[in-house]
C-alpha cells in the first residue's frame, strides 16, 4: 500500500503531534463523564436542587 501524500503547506511539529491525541483523549473522557452524569440523573441518583 503506498504511503499517503503529505501536505506541502502544513508539516506538524512534534509538539502538535503529541498534543492532538492527548486533546482527543481528554475530550472523550469529558464526553463519557457527561454521559454518566446524564444517566445517573435519569435514574434519580443525583441530588436535585
C-alpha atoms as a PDB file:
ATOM      1  CA  UNK A   1       0.000   0.000   0.000  1.00  0.00           C
ATOM      2  CA  UNK A   2       1.545   3.332  -0.990  1.00  0.00           C
ATOM      3  CA  UNK A   3       2.234   5.939   1.645  1.00  0.00           C
ATOM      4  CA  UNK A   4      -0.339   8.795   1.649  1.00  0.00           C
ATOM      5  CA  UNK A   5       0.837  12.097   0.262  1.00  0.00           C
ATOM      6  CA  UNK A   6       1.822  14.687   2.834  1.00  0.00           C
ATOM      7  CA  UNK A   7       0.711  18.277   2.573  1.00  0.00           C
ATOM      8  CA  UNK A   8       3.453  20.603   1.418  1.00  0.00           C
ATOM      9  CA  UNK A   9       1.971  23.595   3.247  1.00  0.00           C
ATOM     10  CA  UNK A  10       1.475  22.040   6.665  1.00  0.00           C
ATOM     11  CA  UNK A  11       4.026  19.946   8.498  1.00  0.00           C
ATOM     12  CA  UNK A  12       3.081  19.271  12.128  1.00  0.00           C
ATOM     13  CA  UNK A  13       5.663  19.842  14.808  1.00  0.00           C
ATOM     14  CA  UNK A  14       6.485  17.139  17.322  1.00  0.00           C
ATOM     15  CA  UNK A  15       4.616  19.154  19.974  1.00  0.00           C
ATOM     16  CA  UNK A  16       1.469  19.206  17.827  1.00  0.00           C
ATOM     17  CA  UNK A  17       1.754  15.501  17.044  1.00  0.00           C
ATOM     18  CA  UNK A  18       1.768  14.775  20.792  1.00  0.00           C
ATOM     19  CA  UNK A  19      -0.837  17.366  21.754  1.00  0.00           C
ATOM     20  CA  UNK A  20      -3.611  16.279  19.373  1.00  0.00           C
ATOM     21  CA  UNK A  21      -4.030  12.692  20.706  1.00  0.00           C
ATOM     22  CA  UNK A  22      -3.927  13.958  24.300  1.00  0.00           C
ATOM     23  CA  UNK A  23      -6.555  16.595  23.489  1.00  0.00           C
ATOM     24  CA  UNK A  24      -8.784  13.999  21.818  1.00  0.00           C
ATOM     25  CA  UNK A  25      -8.425  11.675  24.807  1.00  0.00           C
ATOM     26  CA  UNK A  26      -9.437  14.484  27.189  1.00  0.00           C
ATOM     27  CA  UNK A  27     -12.472  15.261  25.016  1.00  0.00           C
ATOM     28  CA  UNK A  28     -13.543  11.599  25.070  1.00  0.00           C
ATOM     29  CA  UNK A  29     -13.167  11.446  28.856  1.00  0.00           C
ATOM     30  CA  UNK A  30     -15.255  14.615  29.268  1.00  0.00           C
ATOM     31  CA  UNK A  31     -17.919  13.175  26.971  1.00  0.00           C
ATOM     32  CA  UNK A  32     -18.035   9.951  28.989  1.00  0.00           C
ATOM     33  CA  UNK A  33     -18.294  11.897  32.247  1.00  0.00           C
ATOM     34  CA  UNK A  34     -21.197  13.946  30.891  1.00  0.00           C
ATOM     35  CA  UNK A  35     -22.978  10.809  29.712  1.00  0.00           C
ATOM     36  CA  UNK A  36     -22.519   9.160  33.124  1.00  0.00           C
ATOM     37  CA  UNK A  37     -23.955  12.233  34.865  1.00  0.00           C
ATOM     38  CA  UNK A  38     -26.935  12.257  32.478  1.00  0.00           C
ATOM     39  CA  UNK A  39     -27.631   8.558  33.056  1.00  0.00           C
ATOM     40  CA  UNK A  40     -27.331   8.956  36.827  1.00  0.00           C
ATOM     41  CA  UNK A  41     -29.703  11.904  36.782  1.00  0.00           C
ATOM     42  CA  UNK A  42     -32.222   9.946  34.724  1.00  0.00           C
ATOM     43  CA  UNK A  43     -32.204   7.208  37.386  1.00  0.00           C
ATOM     44  CA  UNK A  44     -32.510   9.760  40.163  1.00  0.00           C
ATOM     45  CA  UNK A  45     -29.114   9.055  41.676  1.00  0.00           C
ATOM     46  CA  UNK A  46     -28.023  12.680  41.748  1.00  0.00           C
ATOM     47  CA  UNK A  47     -29.453  15.106  44.309  1.00  0.00           C
ATOM     48  CA  UNK A  48     -31.832  17.685  42.979  1.00  0.00           C
ATOM     49  CA  UNK A  49     -31.591  21.346  43.849  1.00  0.00           C
END
